[in-house]
PDB file of N, CA and C in Angstrom:
ATOM      1  N   MET A   1      -5.618  10.282 -27.236  1.00  0.00           N
ATOM      2  CA  MET A   1      -4.895   9.994 -28.329  1.00  0.00           C
ATOM      3  C   MET A   1      -5.065  10.988 -29.500  1.00  0.00           C
ATOM      4  N   SER A   2      -4.299  11.794 -29.922  1.00  0.00           N
ATOM      5  CA  SER A   2      -4.601  12.385 -31.033  1.00  0.00           C
ATOM      6  C   SER A   2      -4.753  11.148 -32.681  1.00  0.00           C
ATOM      7  N   ALA A   3      -4.969  11.915 -33.270  1.00  0.00           N
ATOM      8  CA  ALA A   3      -5.174  11.102 -34.446  1.00  0.00           C
ATOM      9  C   ALA A   3      -3.842  11.435 -35.471  1.00  0.00           C
ATOM     10  N   GLN A   4      -2.716  12.196 -34.867  1.00  0.00           N
ATOM     11  CA  GLN A   4      -1.917  12.488 -35.742  1.00  0.00           C
ATOM     12  C   GLN A   4      -0.511  10.851 -34.819  1.00  0.00           C
ATOM     13  N   ASN A   5      -1.197  10.450 -33.661  1.00  0.00           N
ATOM     14  CA  ASN A   5      -0.148   9.232 -32.831  1.00  0.00           C
ATOM     15  C   ASN A   5      -0.445   7.933 -34.186  1.00  0.00           C
ATOM     16  N   ASN A   6       0.875   7.582 -33.882  1.00  0.00           N
ATOM     17  CA  ASN A   6       0.894   6.212 -34.163  1.00  0.00           C
ATOM     18  C   ASN A   6       0.471   5.547 -33.455  1.00  0.00           C
ATOM     19  N   VAL A   7      -0.390   4.255 -34.149  1.00  0.00           N
ATOM     20  CA  VAL A   7      -0.409   3.239 -33.658  1.00  0.00           C
ATOM     21  C   VAL A   7       0.168   1.483 -34.183  1.00  0.00           C
ATOM     22  N   ASN A   8       0.232   1.136 -33.472  1.00  0.00           N
ATOM     23  CA  ASN A   8       1.121  -0.187 -33.749  1.00  0.00           C
ATOM     24  C   ASN A   8       0.047  -1.401 -33.940  1.00  0.00           C
ATOM     25  N   ILE A   9      -0.366  -0.947 -35.648  1.00  0.00           N
ATOM     26  CA  ILE A   9      -1.473  -1.814 -35.807  1.00  0.00           C
ATOM     27  C   ILE A   9      -1.672  -3.638 -35.581  1.00  0.00           C
ATOM     28  N   GLU A  10      -0.061  -3.771 -35.548  1.00  0.00           N
ATOM     29  CA  GLU A  10       0.030  -5.496 -35.784  1.00  0.00           C
ATOM     30  C   GLU A  10      -0.073  -5.952 -33.750  1.00  0.00           C
ATOM     31  N   ALA A  11       0.809  -4.736 -33.232  1.00  0.00           N
ATOM     32  CA  ALA A  11       0.867  -5.233 -31.327  1.00  0.00           C
ATOM     33  C   ALA A  11      -0.960  -5.328 -31.364  1.00  0.00           C
ATOM     34  N   LEU A  12      -1.682  -3.934 -31.379  1.00  0.00           N
ATOM     35  CA  LEU A  12      -3.249  -4.171 -31.360  1.00  0.00           C
ATOM     36  C   LEU A  12      -4.114  -5.292 -32.239  1.00  0.00           C
ATOM     37  N   ASP A  13      -3.416  -5.849 -32.784  1.00  0.00           N
ATOM     38  CA  ASP A  13      -4.410  -6.270 -33.819  1.00  0.00           C
ATOM     39  C   ASP A  13      -3.817  -7.945 -32.375  1.00  0.00           C
ATOM     40  N   ALA A  14      -2.791  -7.848 -32.298  1.00  0.00           N
ATOM     41  CA  ALA A  14      -1.862  -9.131 -31.326  1.00  0.00           C
ATOM     42  C   ALA A  14      -2.976  -8.881 -29.649  1.00  0.00           C
ATOM     43  N   LYS A  15      -3.063  -7.697 -29.753  1.00  0.00           N
ATOM     44  CA  LYS A  15      -3.952  -7.878 -27.853  1.00  0.00           C
ATOM     45  C   LYS A  15      -4.919  -8.010 -27.590  1.00  0.00           C
ATOM     46  N   MET A  16      -5.381  -7.780 -29.169  1.00  0.00           N
ATOM     47  CA  MET A  16      -7.293  -7.855 -29.292  1.00  0.00           C
ATOM     48  C   MET A  16      -7.402  -9.756 -29.577  1.00  0.00           C
ATOM     49  N   LYS A  17      -6.434 -10.243 -30.170  1.00  0.00           N
ATOM     50  CA  LYS A  17      -7.151 -11.647 -30.143  1.00  0.00           C
ATOM     51  C   LYS A  17      -7.069 -12.318 -28.821  1.00  0.00           C
ATOM     52  N   GLU A  18      -5.963 -11.964 -28.026  1.00  0.00           N
ATOM     53  CA  GLU A  18      -5.366 -12.045 -26.846  1.00  0.00           C
ATOM     54  C   GLU A  18      -6.537 -12.655 -26.043  1.00  0.00           C
ATOM     55  N   LEU A  19      -7.433 -10.787 -25.604  1.00  0.00           N
ATOM     56  CA  LEU A  19      -8.591 -10.568 -25.236  1.00  0.00           C
ATOM     57  C   LEU A  19      -9.417 -11.727 -26.145  1.00  0.00           C
ATOM     58  N   ILE A  20      -9.738 -11.780 -26.808  1.00  0.00           N
ATOM     59  CA  ILE A  20     -10.644 -12.601 -27.576  1.00  0.00           C
ATOM     60  C   ILE A  20     -10.310 -14.280 -27.056  1.00  0.00           C
ATOM     61  N   GLU A  21      -9.747 -14.688 -27.476  1.00  0.00           N
ATOM     62  CA  GLU A  21      -9.034 -15.579 -26.829  1.00  0.00           C
ATOM     63  C   GLU A  21      -8.903 -15.990 -25.000  1.00  0.00           C
ATOM     64  N   ALA A  22      -8.856 -15.002 -24.330  1.00  0.00           N
ATOM     65  CA  ALA A  22      -9.113 -15.179 -23.074  1.00  0.00           C
ATOM     66  C   ALA A  22     -10.652 -15.382 -22.496  1.00  0.00           C
ATOM     67  N   PHE A  23     -11.264 -14.524 -23.393  1.00  0.00           N
ATOM     68  CA  PHE A  23     -13.183 -14.304 -23.156  1.00  0.00           C
ATOM     69  C   PHE A  23     -13.637 -16.113 -23.330  1.00  0.00           C
ATOM     70  N   GLU A  24     -13.074 -16.463 -24.983  1.00  0.00           N
ATOM     71  CA  GLU A  24     -13.867 -17.755 -25.359  1.00  0.00           C
ATOM     72  C   GLU A  24     -13.412 -19.045 -24.921  1.00  0.00           C
ATOM     73  N   SER A  25     -12.380 -18.661 -23.637  1.00  0.00           N
ATOM     74  CA  SER A  25     -11.611 -19.780 -22.511  1.00  0.00           C
ATOM     75  C   SER A  25     -12.431 -19.272 -21.499  1.00  0.00           C
ATOM     76  N   HIS A  26     -13.180 -19.045 -21.031  1.00  0.00           N
ATOM     77  CA  HIS A  26     -13.469 -17.804 -19.652  1.00  0.00           C
ATOM     78  C   HIS A  26     -14.460 -19.883 -19.467  1.00  0.00           C
ATOM     79  N   PRO A  27     -15.064 -19.832 -18.614  1.00  0.00           N
ATOM     80  CA  PRO A  27     -15.693 -20.778 -18.052  1.00  0.00           C
ATOM     81  C   PRO A  27     -17.422 -20.191 -18.299  1.00  0.00           C
ATOM     82  N   GLN A  28     -18.016 -19.105 -18.017  1.00  0.00           N
ATOM     83  CA  GLN A  28     -19.297 -18.284 -18.362  1.00  0.00           C
ATOM     84  C   GLN A  28     -19.302 -18.536 -19.885  1.00  0.00           C
ATOM     85  N   LEU A  29     -18.767 -18.303 -20.922  1.00  0.00           N
ATOM     86  CA  LEU A  29     -19.003 -18.524 -21.999  1.00  0.00           C
ATOM     87  C   LEU A  29     -19.118 -19.592 -22.702  1.00  0.00           C
ATOM     88  N   GLN A  30     -19.067 -20.667 -22.142  1.00  0.00           N
ATOM     89  CA  GLN A  30     -18.638 -22.546 -22.109  1.00  0.00           C
ATOM     90  C   GLN A  30     -20.520 -23.069 -22.546  1.00  0.00           C
ATOM     91  N   PRO A  31     -20.428 -23.325 -24.061  1.00  0.00           N
ATOM     92  CA  PRO A  31     -22.198 -23.832 -24.146  1.00  0.00           C
ATOM     93  C   PRO A  31     -22.273 -24.874 -22.795  1.00  0.00           C
ATOM     94  N   PRO A  32     -23.868 -25.275 -22.535  1.00  0.00           N
ATOM     95  CA  PRO A  32     -25.184 -24.858 -23.563  1.00  0.00           C
ATOM     96  C   PRO A  32     -25.758 -23.172 -23.733  1.00  0.00           C
ATOM     97  N   THR A  33     -25.225 -22.580 -22.130  1.00  0.00           N
ATOM     98  CA  THR A  33     -25.968 -21.126 -21.742  1.00  0.00           C
ATOM     99  C   THR A  33     -24.670 -20.887 -21.479  1.00  0.00           C
ATOM    100  N   PRO A  34     -23.938 -19.735 -22.306  1.00  0.00           N
ATOM    101  CA  PRO A  34     -22.853 -19.093 -21.814  1.00  0.00           C
ATOM    102  C   PRO A  34     -24.019 -17.829 -21.425  1.00  0.00           C
ATOM    103  N   HIS A  35     -22.712 -17.090 -20.396  1.00  0.00           N
ATOM    104  CA  HIS A  35     -24.035 -15.653 -19.887  1.00  0.00           C
ATOM    105  C   HIS A  35     -23.700 -14.635 -20.243  1.00  0.00           C
ATOM    106  N   PRO A  36     -25.444 -14.304 -20.616  1.00  0.00           N
ATOM    107  CA  PRO A  36     -25.492 -13.320 -21.453  1.00  0.00           C
ATOM    108  C   PRO A  36     -23.975 -12.149 -21.641  1.00  0.00           C
ATOM    109  N   THR A  37     -23.876 -11.260 -20.476  1.00  0.00           N
ATOM    110  CA  THR A  37     -23.334 -10.294 -20.286  1.00  0.00           C
ATOM    111  C   THR A  37     -21.599 -10.988 -21.044  1.00  0.00           C
ATOM    112  N   ALA A  38     -20.991 -11.925 -20.330  1.00  0.00           N
ATOM    113  CA  ALA A  38     -19.825 -12.342 -21.061  1.00  0.00           C
ATOM    114  C   ALA A  38     -20.268 -12.402 -22.688  1.00  0.00           C
ATOM    115  N   PHE A  39     -21.270 -13.141 -22.682  1.00  0.00           N
ATOM    116  CA  PHE A  39     -21.185 -13.524 -24.134  1.00  0.00           C
ATOM    117  C   PHE A  39     -21.509 -11.991 -25.189  1.00  0.00           C
ATOM    118  N   PHE A  40     -22.080 -10.877 -24.611  1.00  0.00           N
ATOM    119  CA  PHE A  40     -22.402  -9.579 -25.323  1.00  0.00           C
ATOM    120  C   PHE A  40     -20.834  -8.554 -25.255  1.00  0.00           C
ATOM    121  N   LEU A  41     -19.944  -8.798 -24.399  1.00  0.00           N
ATOM    122  CA  LEU A  41     -19.105  -8.524 -24.234  1.00  0.00           C
ATOM    123  C   LEU A  41     -17.808  -8.783 -25.476  1.00  0.00           C
ATOM    124  N   LEU A  42     -17.979 -10.100 -25.372  1.00  0.00           N
ATOM    125  CA  LEU A  42     -16.901 -10.899 -26.158  1.00  0.00           C
ATOM    126  C   LEU A  42     -17.581 -10.693 -28.098  1.00  0.00           C
ATOM    127  N   ASP A  43     -18.516 -10.285 -28.026  1.00  0.00           N
ATOM    128  CA  ASP A  43     -19.569 -10.130 -28.934  1.00  0.00           C
ATOM    129  C   ASP A  43     -18.935  -8.767 -29.419  1.00  0.00           C
ATOM    130  N   PHE A  44     -18.612  -7.692 -28.907  1.00  0.00           N
ATOM    131  CA  PHE A  44     -18.789  -6.273 -28.803  1.00  0.00           C
ATOM    132  C   PHE A  44     -17.162  -6.498 -29.065  1.00  0.00           C
ATOM    133  N   VAL A  45     -15.873  -7.554 -28.558  1.00  0.00           N
ATOM    134  CA  VAL A  45     -14.951  -6.892 -29.155  1.00  0.00           C
ATOM    135  C   VAL A  45     -15.325  -7.594 -30.163  1.00  0.00           C
ATOM    136  N   LYS A  46     -15.264  -8.686 -30.537  1.00  0.00           N
ATOM    137  CA  LYS A  46     -14.543  -9.522 -31.680  1.00  0.00           C
ATOM    138  C   LYS A  46     -15.963  -8.564 -32.959  1.00  0.00           C
ATOM    139  N   ASN A  47     -16.447  -8.091 -32.887  1.00  0.00           N
ATOM    140  CA  ASN A  47     -16.678  -6.652 -33.796  1.00  0.00           C
ATOM    141  C   ASN A  47     -15.883  -5.802 -33.996  1.00  0.00           C
ATOM    142  N   THR A  48     -15.280  -5.048 -32.742  1.00  0.00           N
ATOM    143  CA  THR A  48     -14.219  -4.261 -32.650  1.00  0.00           C
ATOM    144  C   THR A  48     -13.054  -5.070 -33.378  1.00  0.00           C
ATOM    145  N   HIS A  49     -12.645  -5.756 -32.800  1.00  0.00           N
ATOM    146  CA  HIS A  49     -11.519  -6.185 -33.939  1.00  0.00           C
ATOM    147  C   HIS A  49     -11.499  -6.581 -35.302  1.00  0.00           C
ATOM    148  N   GLY A  50     -12.582  -7.186 -36.050  1.00  0.00           N
ATOM    149  CA  GLY A  50     -12.779  -7.233 -37.223  1.00  0.00           C
ATOM    150  C   GLY A  50     -13.217  -5.619 -38.150  1.00  0.00           C
ATOM    151  N   SER A  51     -13.244  -4.808 -37.473  1.00  0.00           N
ATOM    152  CA  SER A  51     -13.655  -3.026 -37.752  1.00  0.00           C
ATOM    153  C   SER A  51     -12.231  -2.863 -38.214  1.00  0.00           C
ATOM    154  N   LEU A  52     -10.920  -3.661 -37.068  1.00  0.00           N
ATOM    155  CA  LEU A  52      -9.429  -3.635 -37.140  1.00  0.00           C
ATOM    156  C   LEU A  52      -8.913  -4.211 -38.576  1.00  0.00           C
ATOM    157  N   GLN A  53      -9.570  -5.417 -38.402  1.00  0.00           N
ATOM    158  CA  GLN A  53      -9.090  -6.088 -39.285  1.00  0.00           C
ATOM    159  C   GLN A  53      -9.158  -5.446 -40.921  1.00  0.00           C
ATOM    160  N   LYS A  54     -10.638  -4.683 -41.208  1.00  0.00           N
ATOM    161  CA  LYS A  54     -10.200  -3.936 -42.421  1.00  0.00           C
ATOM    162  C   LYS A  54     -10.066  -2.839 -42.445  1.00  0.00           C
ATOM    163  N   VAL A  55      -9.080  -2.607 -41.869  1.00  0.00           N
ATOM    164  CA  VAL A  55      -7.729  -1.427 -41.875  1.00  0.00           C
ATOM    165  C   VAL A  55      -7.018  -1.182 -42.527  1.00  0.00           C
ATOM    166  N   ASP A  56      -6.515  -0.940 -43.671  1.00  0.00           N
ATOM    167  CA  ASP A  56      -5.536  -0.966 -44.618  1.00  0.00           C
ATOM    168  C   ASP A  56      -4.542  -0.241 -43.721  1.00  0.00           C
ATOM    169  N   ALA A  57      -3.220  -1.530 -43.924  1.00  0.00           N
ATOM    170  CA  ALA A  57      -2.225  -0.702 -42.838  1.00  0.00           C
ATOM    171  C   ALA A  57      -1.743   0.312 -43.625  1.00  0.00           C
ATOM    172  N   ALA A  58      -1.035   0.297 -44.948  1.00  0.00           N
ATOM    173  CA  ALA A  58      -0.585   1.108 -45.579  1.00  0.00           C
ATOM    174  C   ALA A  58      -1.247   2.302 -45.552  1.00  0.00           C
ATOM    175  N   LYS A  59      -1.998   2.040 -45.606  1.00  0.00           N
ATOM    176  CA  LYS A  59      -3.110   3.649 -45.721  1.00  0.00           C
ATOM    177  C   LYS A  59      -3.087   4.453 -44.205  1.00  0.00           C
ATOM    178  N   TYR A  60      -3.185   3.240 -43.666  1.00  0.00           N
ATOM    179  CA  TYR A  60      -3.079   3.913 -42.367  1.00  0.00           C
ATOM    180  C   TYR A  60      -1.808   5.130 -42.004  1.00  0.00           C
ATOM    181  N   ALA A  61      -0.312   4.105 -42.068  1.00  0.00           N
ATOM    182  CA  ALA A  61       0.841   4.321 -42.260  1.00  0.00           C
ATOM    183  C   ALA A  61       0.953   5.889 -43.160  1.00  0.00           C
ATOM    184  N   SER A  62       0.359   5.677 -44.059  1.00  0.00           N
ATOM    185  CA  SER A  62       0.354   6.953 -44.864  1.00  0.00           C
ATOM    186  C   SER A  62      -0.269   8.544 -44.319  1.00  0.00           C
ATOM    187  N   GLY A  63      -1.245   8.390 -43.437  1.00  0.00           N
ATOM    188  CA  GLY A  63      -1.953   9.670 -43.026  1.00  0.00           C
ATOM    189  C   GLY A  63      -3.156   9.330 -43.444  1.00  0.00           C
ATOM    190  N   ASP A  64      -4.129   8.386 -44.034  1.00  0.00           N
ATOM    191  CA  ASP A  64      -5.522   7.897 -44.238  1.00  0.00           C
ATOM    192  C   ASP A  64      -6.548   8.442 -43.539  1.00  0.00           C
ATOM    193  N   ARG A  65      -7.209   9.627 -43.864  1.00  0.00           N
ATOM    194  CA  ARG A  65      -8.006   9.693 -43.082  1.00  0.00           C
ATOM    195  C   ARG A  65      -9.016   9.040 -42.267  1.00  0.00           C
ATOM    196  N   GLN A  66      -9.455   8.414 -43.653  1.00  0.00           N
ATOM    197  CA  GLN A  66     -10.535   7.214 -42.597  1.00  0.00           C
ATOM    198  C   GLN A  66      -9.997   6.185 -42.098  1.00  0.00           C
ATOM    199  N   ALA A  67      -8.786   5.891 -42.554  1.00  0.00           N
ATOM    200  CA  ALA A  67      -7.615   4.768 -42.012  1.00  0.00           C
ATOM    201  C   ALA A  67      -7.583   5.385 -40.167  1.00  0.00           C
ATOM    202  N   ARG A  68      -7.242   6.494 -40.327  1.00  0.00           N
ATOM    203  CA  ARG A  68      -6.821   6.964 -39.288  1.00  0.00           C
ATOM    204  C   ARG A  68      -8.646   7.085 -38.074  1.00  0.00           C
ATOM    205  N   GLU A  69      -9.430   7.550 -38.627  1.00  0.00           N
ATOM    206  CA  GLU A  69     -10.409   7.350 -37.654  1.00  0.00           C
ATOM    207  C   GLU A  69     -11.269   6.448 -37.316  1.00  0.00           C
ATOM    208  N   THR A  70     -10.839   5.497 -38.689  1.00  0.00           N
ATOM    209  CA  THR A  70     -10.997   4.268 -37.848  1.00  0.00           C
ATOM    210  C   THR A  70     -10.681   3.649 -36.288  1.00  0.00           C
ATOM    211  N   VAL A  71      -8.941   3.909 -36.624  1.00  0.00           N
ATOM    212  CA  VAL A  71      -8.406   3.134 -35.480  1.00  0.00           C
ATOM    213  C   VAL A  71      -8.693   3.886 -34.459  1.00  0.00           C
ATOM    214  N   GLN A  72      -8.747   5.130 -34.463  1.00  0.00           N
ATOM    215  CA  GLN A  72      -9.540   6.027 -33.148  1.00  0.00           C
ATOM    216  C   GLN A  72     -10.851   5.701 -32.448  1.00  0.00           C
ATOM    217  N   GLU A  73     -11.490   5.014 -33.515  1.00  0.00           N
ATOM    218  CA  GLU A  73     -12.568   4.749 -33.547  1.00  0.00           C
ATOM    219  C   GLU A  73     -12.306   3.102 -32.446  1.00  0.00           C
ATOM    220  N   ILE A  74     -11.665   2.525 -33.043  1.00  0.00           N
ATOM    221  CA  ILE A  74     -11.207   0.904 -32.104  1.00  0.00           C
ATOM    222  C   ILE A  74     -10.352   0.928 -30.760  1.00  0.00           C
ATOM    223  N   ILE A  75      -9.952   2.409 -30.732  1.00  0.00           N
ATOM    224  CA  ILE A  75      -9.069   2.324 -29.558  1.00  0.00           C
ATOM    225  C   ILE A  75     -10.080   2.962 -28.764  1.00  0.00           C
ATOM    226  N   GLY A  76     -11.080   3.412 -28.555  1.00  0.00           N
ATOM    227  CA  GLY A  76     -12.407   3.965 -28.200  1.00  0.00           C
ATOM    228  C   GLY A  76     -12.980   3.184 -27.501  1.00  0.00           C
ATOM    229  N   ARG A  77     -13.362   2.402 -28.718  1.00  0.00           N
ATOM    230  CA  ARG A  77     -14.421   0.961 -28.319  1.00  0.00           C
ATOM    231  C   ARG A  77     -13.327   0.201 -27.275  1.00  0.00           C
ATOM    232  N   ASN A  78     -12.283  -0.049 -27.802  1.00  0.00           N
ATOM    233  CA  ASN A  78     -11.361  -0.600 -26.291  1.00  0.00           C
ATOM    234  C   ASN A  78     -11.415  -0.193 -25.104  1.00  0.00           C
ATOM    235  N   GLN A  79     -11.005   0.983 -24.903  1.00  0.00           N
ATOM    236  CA  GLN A  79     -10.773   1.840 -23.786  1.00  0.00           C
ATOM    237  C   GLN A  79     -12.589   1.468 -22.971  1.00  0.00           C
ATOM    238  N   PHE A  80     -13.387   1.802 -23.743  1.00  0.00           N
ATOM    239  CA  PHE A  80     -15.046   1.087 -23.200  1.00  0.00           C
ATOM    240  C   PHE A  80     -14.819  -0.226 -23.189  1.00  0.00           C
ATOM    241  N   THR A  81     -14.392  -0.701 -23.170  1.00  0.00           N
ATOM    242  CA  THR A  81     -14.614  -2.279 -23.614  1.00  0.00           C
ATOM    243  C   THR A  81     -13.981  -3.039 -22.146  1.00  0.00           C
ATOM    244  N   SER A  82     -12.816  -2.165 -21.275  1.00  0.00           N
ATOM    245  CA  SER A  82     -12.209  -1.856 -19.896  1.00  0.00           C
ATOM    246  C   SER A  82     -12.785  -1.559 -19.320  1.00  0.00           C
ATOM    247  N   VAL A  83     -13.584  -0.398 -19.269  1.00  0.00           N
ATOM    248  CA  VAL A  83     -14.817   0.430 -18.882  1.00  0.00           C
ATOM    249  C   VAL A  83     -15.783  -0.855 -18.098  1.00  0.00           C
ATOM    250  N   LEU A  84     -16.438  -1.419 -19.604  1.00  0.00           N
ATOM    251  CA  LEU A  84     -17.605  -2.686 -19.516  1.00  0.00           C
ATOM    252  C   LEU A  84     -17.181  -3.979 -18.132  1.00  0.00           C
ATOM    253  N   VAL A  85     -15.620  -4.317 -18.833  1.00  0.00           N
ATOM    254  CA  VAL A  85     -15.081  -5.054 -18.337  1.00  0.00           C
ATOM    255  C   VAL A  85     -15.028  -5.812 -16.506  1.00  0.00           C
ATOM    256  N   ASN A  86     -15.163  -3.577 -16.122  1.00  0.00           N
ATOM    257  CA  ASN A  86     -14.760  -4.072 -14.765  1.00  0.00           C
ATOM    258  C   ASN A  86     -16.026  -3.313 -14.159  1.00  0.00           C
ATOM    259  N   ASP A  87     -17.230  -3.459 -14.655  1.00  0.00           N
ATOM    260  CA  ASP A  87     -18.121  -2.535 -14.004  1.00  0.00           C
ATOM    261  C   ASP A  87     -18.660  -3.463 -12.790  1.00  0.00           C
ATOM    262  N   SER A  88     -19.185  -2.859 -11.734  1.00  0.00           N
ATOM    263  CA  SER A  88     -19.406  -3.939 -10.666  1.00  0.00           C
ATOM    264  C   SER A  88     -20.656  -3.188 -10.134  1.00  0.00           C
ATOM    265  N   THR A  89     -21.330  -2.468 -11.108  1.00  0.00           N
ATOM    266  CA  THR A  89     -22.949  -1.901 -10.571  1.00  0.00           C
ATOM    267  C   THR A  89     -23.760  -2.546 -10.550  1.00  0.00           C
ATOM    268  N   GLY A  90     -23.024  -3.502 -11.884  1.00  0.00           N
ATOM    269  CA  GLY A  90     -25.127  -4.474 -12.364  1.00  0.00           C
ATOM    270  C   GLY A  90     -25.476  -4.101 -13.192  1.00  0.00           C
ATOM    271  N   LYS A  91     -25.110  -2.050 -13.749  1.00  0.00           N
ATOM    272  CA  LYS A  91     -25.740  -1.991 -14.710  1.00  0.00           C
ATOM    273  C   LYS A  91     -25.794  -2.610 -16.036  1.00  0.00           C
ATOM    274  N   LEU A  92     -24.122  -3.019 -16.420  1.00  0.00           N
ATOM    275  CA  LEU A  92     -23.801  -3.995 -17.582  1.00  0.00           C
ATOM    276  C   LEU A  92     -24.819  -4.962 -17.878  1.00  0.00           C
ATOM    277  N   ALA A  93     -25.137  -5.517 -16.588  1.00  0.00           N
ATOM    278  CA  ALA A  93     -25.997  -7.212 -16.488  1.00  0.00           C
ATOM    279  C   ALA A  93     -27.419  -6.366 -16.766  1.00  0.00           C
ATOM    280  N   MET A  94     -27.565  -5.763 -16.123  1.00  0.00           N
ATOM    281  CA  MET A  94     -29.705  -5.238 -16.592  1.00  0.00           C
ATOM    282  C   MET A  94     -29.715  -4.660 -17.833  1.00  0.00           C
ATOM    283  N   MET A  95     -28.520  -4.149 -19.192  1.00  0.00           N
ATOM    284  CA  MET A  95     -28.695  -3.740 -20.420  1.00  0.00           C
ATOM    285  C   MET A  95     -28.583  -5.548 -20.862  1.00  0.00           C
ATOM    286  N   THR A  96     -27.032  -5.965 -20.666  1.00  0.00           N
ATOM    287  CA  THR A  96     -27.133  -7.495 -21.446  1.00  0.00           C
ATOM    288  C   THR A  96     -27.839  -8.566 -20.737  1.00  0.00           C
ATOM    289  N   GLY A  97     -28.697  -8.412 -20.063  1.00  0.00           N
ATOM    290  CA  GLY A  97     -30.225  -9.906 -19.663  1.00  0.00           C
ATOM    291  C   GLY A  97     -29.469 -10.504 -18.683  1.00  0.00           C
ATOM    292  N   GLY A  98     -28.718  -9.799 -17.682  1.00  0.00           N
ATOM    293  CA  GLY A  98     -28.018 -10.663 -17.224  1.00  0.00           C
ATOM    294  C   GLY A  98     -28.233 -10.207 -15.427  1.00  0.00           C
ATOM    295  N   ASP A  99     -28.134 -10.430 -13.760  1.00  0.00           N
ATOM    296  CA  ASP A  99     -28.291 -10.614 -12.826  1.00  0.00           C
ATOM    297  C   ASP A  99     -28.171  -9.491 -12.208  1.00  0.00           C
ATOM    298  N   PRO A 100     -28.639  -8.307 -12.215  1.00  0.00           N
ATOM    299  CA  PRO A 100     -27.693  -7.421 -11.935  1.00  0.00           C
ATOM    300  C   PRO A 100     -27.447  -7.552 -10.515  1.00  0.00           C
ATOM    301  N   SER A 101     -28.263  -7.735  -9.566  1.00  0.00           N
ATOM    302  CA  SER A 101     -27.155  -8.631  -8.540  1.00  0.00           C
ATOM    303  C   SER A 101     -26.214  -9.815  -8.507  1.00  0.00           C
ATOM    304  N   ASN A 102     -26.072  -9.833  -9.326  1.00  0.00           N
ATOM    305  CA  ASN A 102     -25.062 -11.087  -9.691  1.00  0.00           C
ATOM    306  C   ASN A 102     -24.168 -10.845 -10.707  1.00  0.00           C
ATOM    307  N   PRO A 103     -23.315 -10.296 -11.034  1.00  0.00           N
ATOM    308  CA  PRO A 103     -23.203  -9.564 -12.282  1.00  0.00           C
ATOM    309  C   PRO A 103     -21.918 -10.575 -12.821  1.00  0.00           C
ATOM    310  N   VAL A 104     -21.679 -10.747 -13.459  1.00  0.00           N
ATOM    311  CA  VAL A 104     -20.893 -11.825 -14.350  1.00  0.00           C
ATOM    312  C   VAL A 104     -19.188 -11.798 -13.609  1.00  0.00           C
ATOM    313  N   ASN A 105     -18.719 -12.645 -12.469  1.00  0.00           N
ATOM    314  CA  ASN A 105     -16.811 -12.143 -12.700  1.00  0.00           C
ATOM    315  C   ASN A 105     -16.363 -12.629 -13.395  1.00  0.00           C
ATOM    316  N   LEU A 106     -15.989 -12.056 -14.632  1.00  0.00           N
ATOM    317  CA  LEU A 106     -14.564 -12.162 -15.928  1.00  0.00           C
ATOM    318  C   LEU A 106     -12.868 -12.809 -14.816  1.00  0.00           C
ATOM    319  N   GLY A 107     -13.449 -12.263 -14.248  1.00  0.00           N
ATOM    320  CA  GLY A 107     -11.491 -12.499 -13.529  1.00  0.00           C
ATOM    321  C   GLY A 107     -10.945 -11.808 -14.076  1.00  0.00           C
ATOM    322  N   PRO A 108      -9.177 -11.770 -13.246  1.00  0.00           N
ATOM    323  CA  PRO A 108      -8.617 -11.557 -13.325  1.00  0.00           C
ATOM    324  C   PRO A 108      -7.589 -11.495 -15.139  1.00  0.00           C
ATOM    325  N   THR A 109      -7.894 -12.689 -15.630  1.00  0.00           N
ATOM    326  CA  THR A 109      -6.969 -12.401 -16.813  1.00  0.00           C
ATOM    327  C   THR A 109      -7.477 -11.595 -17.770  1.00  0.00           C
ATOM    328  N   ILE A 110      -8.931 -11.630 -18.036  1.00  0.00           N
ATOM    329  CA  ILE A 110      -9.656 -10.845 -18.863  1.00  0.00           C
ATOM    330  C   ILE A 110      -9.921  -9.109 -18.272  1.00  0.00           C
ATOM    331  N   LYS A 111      -9.825  -8.801 -16.853  1.00  0.00           N
ATOM    332  CA  LYS A 111      -9.510  -7.740 -16.949  1.00  0.00           C
ATOM    333  C   LYS A 111      -8.141  -7.082 -17.534  1.00  0.00           C
ATOM    334  N   ALA A 112      -6.993  -7.905 -16.942  1.00  0.00           N
ATOM    335  CA  ALA A 112      -5.968  -7.735 -17.257  1.00  0.00           C
ATOM    336  C   ALA A 112      -5.542  -7.293 -19.182  1.00  0.00           C
ATOM    337  N   LYS A 113      -6.038  -8.072 -19.460  1.00  0.00           N
ATOM    338  CA  LYS A 113      -6.157  -8.011 -20.936  1.00  0.00           C
ATOM    339  C   LYS A 113      -6.644  -7.175 -21.638  1.00  0.00           C
ATOM    340  N   ALA A 114      -8.139  -6.571 -21.111  1.00  0.00           N
ATOM    341  CA  ALA A 114      -9.008  -5.438 -21.279  1.00  0.00           C
ATOM    342  C   ALA A 114      -8.166  -3.530 -20.893  1.00  0.00           C
ATOM    343  N   LYS A 115      -7.427  -4.185 -19.555  1.00  0.00           N
ATOM    344  CA  LYS A 115      -6.694  -2.940 -19.706  1.00  0.00           C
ATOM    345  C   LYS A 115      -5.268  -2.518 -20.318  1.00  0.00           C
ATOM    346  N   ALA A 116      -4.527  -3.847 -20.464  1.00  0.00           N
ATOM    347  CA  ALA A 116      -3.812  -3.874 -21.008  1.00  0.00           C
ATOM    348  C   ALA A 116      -3.933  -3.254 -22.585  1.00  0.00           C
ATOM    349  N   LEU A 117      -5.274  -3.668 -23.622  1.00  0.00           N
ATOM    350  CA  LEU A 117      -5.466  -3.252 -24.401  1.00  0.00           C
ATOM    351  C   LEU A 117      -5.962  -1.889 -24.456  1.00  0.00           C
ATOM    352  N   ALA A 118      -6.556  -1.041 -23.612  1.00  0.00           N
ATOM    353  CA  ALA A 118      -7.209  -0.004 -23.374  1.00  0.00           C
ATOM    354  C   ALA A 118      -5.685   1.329 -23.316  1.00  0.00           C
ATOM    355  N   GLU A 119      -4.423   0.454 -22.795  1.00  0.00           N
ATOM    356  CA  GLU A 119      -3.343   1.382 -22.389  1.00  0.00           C
ATOM    357  C   GLU A 119      -2.538   1.580 -23.949  1.00  0.00           C
ATOM    358  N   LEU A 120      -3.124   1.018 -25.539  1.00  0.00           N
ATOM    359  CA  LEU A 120      -2.089   0.646 -26.506  1.00  0.00           C
ATOM    360  C   LEU A 120      -2.221   2.581 -26.893  1.00  0.00           C
TER     361      LEU A 120
END
């Protein structure tokens, strides 16, 4: 996606909230010991969403370079999230303190929401 394309910030925000809610309700993220990989991914998504919430929609709509660059970075991070959510190699587990021989199964809901977000 080029920086000239307009992104519907409200739709992006709503999809990100849906993904966060799906993560927060996932059985492997429940206390007292959330799965480290799922916890890492949720933190990554929440940090990305926090960046989106700081974007001034009016500035973005007017073509403000910084706002547009920030949204492009958010889109890239969301695409990366989709890649991470679908990792089956065990490498993500190794990076996040999980067991690479038994990677977290995030289930179809999180995978579908991450994919839909990456396609915006």
